[in-house]
Amino acid sequence: MTFNLWKMFKVTIIFVSCTCLFYFGLRAMHEEYEQFHRYDEPEGPAIKVFSEEERLIDRFYLFFK
């Protein structure tokens, strides 16, 4: 019985350790990408993909295609 209790304790410790590592890894990635400005003007030879003169039906066609 003591052996099974020891196994359960080891599995619990490993599970909690991996969960904490995953959680703090996700927090670090979130802090890194929170400072990333997604809506800045692109640098370099960027081209505009969306034109203003498209009709609504054309947009629906592209969406369902």
PDB file of N, CA and C in Angstrom:
ATOM      1  N   MET A   1       0.821  -1.194   0.000  1.00  0.00           N
ATOM      2  CA  MET A   1       0.000   0.000   0.000  1.00  0.00           C
ATOM      3  C   MET A   1       0.869   1.264   0.000  1.00  0.00           C
ATOM      4  N   THR A   2       1.954   1.229   0.689  1.00  0.00           N
ATOM      5  CA  THR A   2       2.842   2.382   0.714  1.00  0.00           C
ATOM      6  C   THR A   2       3.439   2.638  -0.661  1.00  0.00           C
ATOM      7  N   PHE A   3       3.708   1.561  -1.392  1.00  0.00           N
ATOM      8  CA  PHE A   3       4.287   1.686  -2.725  1.00  0.00           C
ATOM      9  C   PHE A   3       3.316   2.398  -3.665  1.00  0.00           C
ATOM     10  N   ASN A   4       2.036   2.053  -3.611  1.00  0.00           N
ATOM     11  CA  ASN A   4       1.032   2.709  -4.466  1.00  0.00           C
ATOM     12  C   ASN A   4       0.871   4.179  -4.105  1.00  0.00           C
ATOM     13  N   LEU A   5       0.958   4.475  -2.831  1.00  0.00           N
ATOM     14  CA  LEU A   5       0.855   5.866  -2.384  1.00  0.00           C
ATOM     15  C   LEU A   5       2.042   6.668  -2.904  1.00  0.00           C
ATOM     16  N   TRP A   6       3.227   6.076  -2.886  1.00  0.00           N
ATOM     17  CA  TRP A   6       4.428   6.746  -3.395  1.00  0.00           C
ATOM     18  C   TRP A   6       4.315   7.004  -4.899  1.00  0.00           C
ATOM     19  N   LYS A   7       3.792   6.025  -5.651  1.00  0.00           N
ATOM     20  CA  LYS A   7       3.596   6.199  -7.096  1.00  0.00           C
ATOM     21  C   LYS A   7       2.611   7.340  -7.376  1.00  0.00           C
ATOM     22  N   MET A   8       1.532   7.370  -6.619  1.00  0.00           N
ATOM     23  CA  MET A   8       0.533   8.408  -6.821  1.00  0.00           C
ATOM     24  C   MET A   8       1.123   9.784  -6.494  1.00  0.00           C
ATOM     25  N   PHE A   9       1.941   9.857  -5.472  1.00  0.00           N
ATOM     26  CA  PHE A   9       2.585  11.112  -5.106  1.00  0.00           C
ATOM     27  C   PHE A   9       3.534  11.577  -6.205  1.00  0.00           C
ATOM     28  N   LYS A  10       4.297  10.665  -6.776  1.00  0.00           N
ATOM     29  CA  LYS A  10       5.223  11.029  -7.857  1.00  0.00           C
ATOM     30  C   LYS A  10       4.472  11.534  -9.084  1.00  0.00           C
ATOM     31  N   VAL A  11       3.407  10.855  -9.453  1.00  0.00           N
ATOM     32  CA  VAL A  11       2.616  11.270 -10.614  1.00  0.00           C
ATOM     33  C   VAL A  11       1.996  12.646 -10.369  1.00  0.00           C
ATOM     34  N   THR A  12       1.518  12.887  -9.161  1.00  0.00           N
ATOM     35  CA  THR A  12       0.932  14.184  -8.825  1.00  0.00           C
ATOM     36  C   THR A  12       1.972  15.287  -8.911  1.00  0.00           C
ATOM     37  N   ILE A  13       3.157  15.042  -8.392  1.00  0.00           N
ATOM     38  CA  ILE A  13       4.224  16.046  -8.446  1.00  0.00           C
ATOM     39  C   ILE A  13       4.612  16.345  -9.898  1.00  0.00           C
ATOM     40  N   ILE A  14       4.738  15.320 -10.717  1.00  0.00           N
ATOM     41  CA  ILE A  14       5.088  15.513 -12.133  1.00  0.00           C
ATOM     42  C   ILE A  14       3.982  16.284 -12.855  1.00  0.00           C
ATOM     43  N   PHE A  15       2.728  15.939 -12.578  1.00  0.00           N
ATOM     44  CA  PHE A  15       1.607  16.627 -13.212  1.00  0.00           C
ATOM     45  C   PHE A  15       1.574  18.104 -12.829  1.00  0.00           C
ATOM     46  N   VAL A  16       1.728  18.411 -11.556  1.00  0.00           N
ATOM     47  CA  VAL A  16       1.701  19.801 -11.098  1.00  0.00           C
ATOM     48  C   VAL A  16       2.880  20.568 -11.677  1.00  0.00           C
ATOM     49  N   SER A  17       4.049  19.947 -11.734  1.00  0.00           N
ATOM     50  CA  SER A  17       5.227  20.610 -12.302  1.00  0.00           C
ATOM     51  C   SER A  17       5.032  20.926 -13.775  1.00  0.00           C
ATOM     52  N   CYS A  18       4.547  19.982 -14.534  1.00  0.00           N
ATOM     53  CA  CYS A  18       4.326  20.213 -15.966  1.00  0.00           C
ATOM     54  C   CYS A  18       3.239  21.252 -16.201  1.00  0.00           C
ATOM     55  N   THR A  19       2.194  21.236 -15.382  1.00  0.00           N
ATOM     56  CA  THR A  19       1.132  22.227 -15.513  1.00  0.00           C
ATOM     57  C   THR A  19       1.666  23.624 -15.228  1.00  0.00           C
ATOM     58  N   CYS A  20       2.469  23.778 -14.197  1.00  0.00           N
ATOM     59  CA  CYS A  20       3.060  25.094 -13.879  1.00  0.00           C
ATOM     60  C   CYS A  20       3.993  25.549 -14.992  1.00  0.00           C
ATOM     61  N   LEU A  21       4.796  24.649 -15.516  1.00  0.00           N
ATOM     62  CA  LEU A  21       5.704  25.001 -16.602  1.00  0.00           C
ATOM     63  C   LEU A  21       4.919  25.470 -17.829  1.00  0.00           C
ATOM     64  N   PHE A  22       3.856  24.771 -18.173  1.00  0.00           N
ATOM     65  CA  PHE A  22       3.017  25.149 -19.305  1.00  0.00           C
ATOM     66  C   PHE A  22       2.366  26.504 -19.066  1.00  0.00           C
ATOM     67  N   TYR A  23       1.848  26.722 -17.856  1.00  0.00           N
ATOM     68  CA  TYR A  23       1.167  27.977 -17.531  1.00  0.00           C
ATOM     69  C   TYR A  23       2.129  29.163 -17.629  1.00  0.00           C
ATOM     70  N   PHE A  24       3.302  29.038 -17.028  1.00  0.00           N
ATOM     71  CA  PHE A  24       4.245  30.152 -17.060  1.00  0.00           C
ATOM     72  C   PHE A  24       4.835  30.350 -18.460  1.00  0.00           C
ATOM     73  N   GLY A  25       4.924  29.300 -19.238  1.00  0.00           N
ATOM     74  CA  GLY A  25       5.341  29.433 -20.632  1.00  0.00           C
ATOM     75  C   GLY A  25       4.326  30.219 -21.442  1.00  0.00           C
ATOM     76  N   LEU A  26       3.047  29.923 -21.244  1.00  0.00           N
ATOM     77  CA  LEU A  26       1.998  30.668 -21.944  1.00  0.00           C
ATOM     78  C   LEU A  26       1.969  32.134 -21.513  1.00  0.00           C
ATOM     79  N   ARG A  27       2.185  32.381 -20.226  1.00  0.00           N
ATOM     80  CA  ARG A  27       2.222  33.778 -19.751  1.00  0.00           C
ATOM     81  C   ARG A  27       3.383  34.538 -20.371  1.00  0.00           C
ATOM     82  N   ALA A  28       4.536  33.889 -20.485  1.00  0.00           N
ATOM     83  CA  ALA A  28       5.700  34.548 -21.079  1.00  0.00           C
ATOM     84  C   ALA A  28       5.443  34.863 -22.551  1.00  0.00           C
ATOM     85  N   MET A  29       4.842  33.921 -23.278  1.00  0.00           N
ATOM     86  CA  MET A  29       4.519  34.172 -24.685  1.00  0.00           C
ATOM     87  C   MET A  29       3.495  35.291 -24.811  1.00  0.00           C
ATOM     88  N   HIS A  30       2.516  35.332 -23.917  1.00  0.00           N
ATOM     89  CA  HIS A  30       1.502  36.383 -23.965  1.00  0.00           C
ATOM     90  C   HIS A  30       2.141  37.753 -23.738  1.00  0.00           C
ATOM     91  N   GLU A  31       3.026  37.860 -22.775  1.00  0.00           N
ATOM     92  CA  GLU A  31       3.690  39.138 -22.518  1.00  0.00           C
ATOM     93  C   GLU A  31       4.564  39.556 -23.694  1.00  0.00           C
ATOM     94  N   GLU A  32       5.176  38.589 -24.357  1.00  0.00           N
ATOM     95  CA  GLU A  32       6.029  38.904 -25.513  1.00  0.00           C
ATOM     96  C   GLU A  32       5.198  39.464 -26.661  1.00  0.00           C
ATOM     97  N   TYR A  33       4.062  38.829 -26.944  1.00  0.00           N
ATOM     98  CA  TYR A  33       3.250  39.248 -28.089  1.00  0.00           C
ATOM     99  C   TYR A  33       2.303  40.392 -27.769  1.00  0.00           C
ATOM    100  N   GLU A  34       2.123  40.728 -26.501  1.00  0.00           N
ATOM    101  CA  GLU A  34       1.281  41.863 -26.162  1.00  0.00           C
ATOM    102  C   GLU A  34       1.942  43.165 -26.596  1.00  0.00           C
ATOM    103  N   GLN A  35       3.245  43.196 -26.665  1.00  0.00           N
ATOM    104  CA  GLN A  35       3.984  44.384 -27.055  1.00  0.00           C
ATOM    105  C   GLN A  35       4.100  44.500 -28.582  1.00  0.00           C
ATOM    106  N   PHE A  36       3.638  43.508 -29.304  1.00  0.00           N
ATOM    107  CA  PHE A  36       3.725  43.472 -30.758  1.00  0.00           C
ATOM    108  C   PHE A  36       2.600  44.316 -31.347  1.00  0.00           C
ATOM    109  N   HIS A  37       2.945  45.277 -32.177  1.00  0.00           N
ATOM    110  CA  HIS A  37       1.949  46.174 -32.766  1.00  0.00           C
ATOM    111  C   HIS A  37       1.489  45.599 -34.109  1.00  0.00           C
ATOM    112  N   ARG A  38       0.298  45.034 -34.118  1.00  0.00           N
ATOM    113  CA  ARG A  38      -0.200  44.375 -35.323  1.00  0.00           C
ATOM    114  C   ARG A  38      -0.666  45.351 -36.387  1.00  0.00           C
ATOM    115  N   TYR A  39      -1.078  46.541 -35.982  1.00  0.00           N
ATOM    116  CA  TYR A  39      -1.721  47.439 -36.925  1.00  0.00           C
ATOM    117  C   TYR A  39      -0.814  48.570 -37.395  1.00  0.00           C
ATOM    118  N   ASP A  40       0.483  48.403 -37.239  1.00  0.00           N
ATOM    119  CA  ASP A  40       1.416  49.385 -37.777  1.00  0.00           C
ATOM    120  C   ASP A  40       1.454  49.279 -39.297  1.00  0.00           C
ATOM    121  N   GLU A  41       1.877  50.358 -39.927  1.00  0.00           N
ATOM    122  CA  GLU A  41       2.042  50.335 -41.378  1.00  0.00           C
ATOM    123  C   GLU A  41       3.134  49.333 -41.741  1.00  0.00           C
ATOM    124  N   PRO A  42       2.921  48.498 -42.747  1.00  0.00           N
ATOM    125  CA  PRO A  42       3.939  47.529 -43.131  1.00  0.00           C
ATOM    126  C   PRO A  42       5.166  48.223 -43.724  1.00  0.00           C
ATOM    127  N   GLU A  43       6.309  47.610 -43.502  1.00  0.00           N
ATOM    128  CA  GLU A  43       7.553  48.142 -44.053  1.00  0.00           C
ATOM    129  C   GLU A  43       7.921  47.360 -45.303  1.00  0.00           C
ATOM    130  N   GLY A  44       8.592  48.004 -46.208  1.00  0.00           N
ATOM    131  CA  GLY A  44       9.050  47.317 -47.407  1.00  0.00           C
ATOM    132  C   GLY A  44       8.050  47.427 -48.545  1.00  0.00           C
ATOM    133  N   PRO A  45       8.204  46.564 -49.556  1.00  0.00           N
ATOM    134  CA  PRO A  45       7.348  46.654 -50.751  1.00  0.00           C
ATOM    135  C   PRO A  45       5.996  45.950 -50.564  1.00  0.00           C
ATOM    136  N   ALA A  46       5.169  46.462 -49.654  1.00  0.00           N
ATOM    137  CA  ALA A  46       3.861  45.858 -49.414  1.00  0.00           C
ATOM    138  C   ALA A  46       2.862  46.347 -50.458  1.00  0.00           C
ATOM    139  N   ILE A  47       1.915  45.497 -50.817  1.00  0.00           N
ATOM    140  CA  ILE A  47       0.872  45.885 -51.756  1.00  0.00           C
ATOM    141  C   ILE A  47      -0.481  45.739 -51.074  1.00  0.00           C
ATOM    142  N   LYS A  48      -1.442  46.524 -51.511  1.00  0.00           N
ATOM    143  CA  LYS A  48      -2.773  46.477 -50.934  1.00  0.00           C
ATOM    144  C   LYS A  48      -3.543  45.327 -51.570  1.00  0.00           C
ATOM    145  N   VAL A  49      -4.126  44.482 -50.736  1.00  0.00           N
ATOM    146  CA  VAL A  49      -4.826  43.299 -51.242  1.00  0.00           C
ATOM    147  C   VAL A  49      -6.299  43.591 -51.468  1.00  0.00           C
ATOM    148  N   PHE A  50      -6.905  44.377 -50.634  1.00  0.00           N
ATOM    149  CA  PHE A  50      -8.334  44.646 -50.703  1.00  0.00           C
ATOM    150  C   PHE A  50      -8.553  45.974 -51.414  1.00  0.00           C
ATOM    151  N   SER A  51      -9.367  45.962 -52.440  1.00  0.00           N
ATOM    152  CA  SER A  51      -9.668  47.226 -53.114  1.00  0.00           C
ATOM    153  C   SER A  51     -11.051  47.691 -52.676  1.00  0.00           C
ATOM    154  N   GLU A  52     -11.262  48.978 -52.671  1.00  0.00           N
ATOM    155  CA  GLU A  52     -12.507  49.564 -52.182  1.00  0.00           C
ATOM    156  C   GLU A  52     -13.664  49.371 -53.153  1.00  0.00           C
ATOM    157  N   GLU A  53     -13.386  49.128 -54.403  1.00  0.00           N
ATOM    158  CA  GLU A  53     -14.456  49.099 -55.393  1.00  0.00           C
ATOM    159  C   GLU A  53     -15.103  47.731 -55.580  1.00  0.00           C
ATOM    160  N   GLU A  54     -14.771  46.759 -54.751  1.00  0.00           N
ATOM    161  CA  GLU A  54     -15.412  45.458 -54.860  1.00  0.00           C
ATOM    162  C   GLU A  54     -16.845  45.538 -54.358  1.00  0.00           C
ATOM    163  N   ARG A  55     -17.706  44.772 -54.996  1.00  0.00           N
ATOM    164  CA  ARG A  55     -19.098  44.739 -54.566  1.00  0.00           C
ATOM    165  C   ARG A  55     -19.262  43.728 -53.442  1.00  0.00           C
ATOM    166  N   LEU A  56     -20.335  43.868 -52.700  1.00  0.00           N
ATOM    167  CA  LEU A  56     -20.613  42.977 -51.580  1.00  0.00           C
ATOM    168  C   LEU A  56     -20.816  41.544 -52.062  1.00  0.00           C
ATOM    169  N   ILE A  57     -21.455  41.356 -53.193  1.00  0.00           N
ATOM    170  CA  ILE A  57     -21.703  40.013 -53.716  1.00  0.00           C
ATOM    171  C   ILE A  57     -20.385  39.315 -54.077  1.00  0.00           C
ATOM    172  N   ASP A  58     -19.405  40.097 -54.547  1.00  0.00           N
ATOM    173  CA  ASP A  58     -18.098  39.512 -54.850  1.00  0.00           C
ATOM    174  C   ASP A  58     -17.410  39.025 -53.583  1.00  0.00           C
ATOM    175  N   ARG A  59     -17.563  39.764 -52.501  1.00  0.00           N
ATOM    176  CA  ARG A  59     -16.967  39.360 -51.229  1.00  0.00           C
ATOM    177  C   ARG A  59     -17.615  38.070 -50.724  1.00  0.00           C
ATOM    178  N   PHE A  60     -18.957  37.962 -50.858  1.00  0.00           N
ATOM    179  CA  PHE A  60     -19.644  36.737 -50.453  1.00  0.00           C
ATOM    180  C   PHE A  60     -19.193  35.559 -51.302  1.00  0.00           C
ATOM    181  N   TYR A  61     -19.028  35.780 -52.588  1.00  0.00           N
ATOM    182  CA  TYR A  61     -18.571  34.721 -53.482  1.00  0.00           C
ATOM    183  C   TYR A  61     -17.197  34.216 -53.045  1.00  0.00           C
ATOM    184  N   LEU A  62     -16.289  35.143 -52.744  1.00  0.00           N
ATOM    185  CA  LEU A  62     -14.966  34.744 -52.291  1.00  0.00           C
ATOM    186  C   LEU A  62     -15.024  34.016 -50.962  1.00  0.00           C
ATOM    187  N   PHE A  63     -15.893  34.456 -50.067  1.00  0.00           N
ATOM    188  CA  PHE A  63     -16.013  33.822 -48.755  1.00  0.00           C
ATOM    189  C   PHE A  63     -16.508  32.387 -48.872  1.00  0.00           C
ATOM    190  N   PHE A  64     -17.539  32.160 -49.691  1.00  0.00           N
ATOM    191  CA  PHE A  64     -18.097  30.825 -49.820  1.00  0.00           C
ATOM    192  C   PHE A  64     -17.298  29.914 -50.745  1.00  0.00           C
ATOM    193  N   LYS A  65     -16.432  30.494 -51.527  1.00  0.00           N
ATOM    194  CA  LYS A  65     -15.593  29.698 -52.417  1.00  0.00           C
ATOM    195  C   LYS A  65     -14.564  28.966 -51.605  1.00  0.00           C
TER     196      LYS A  65
END
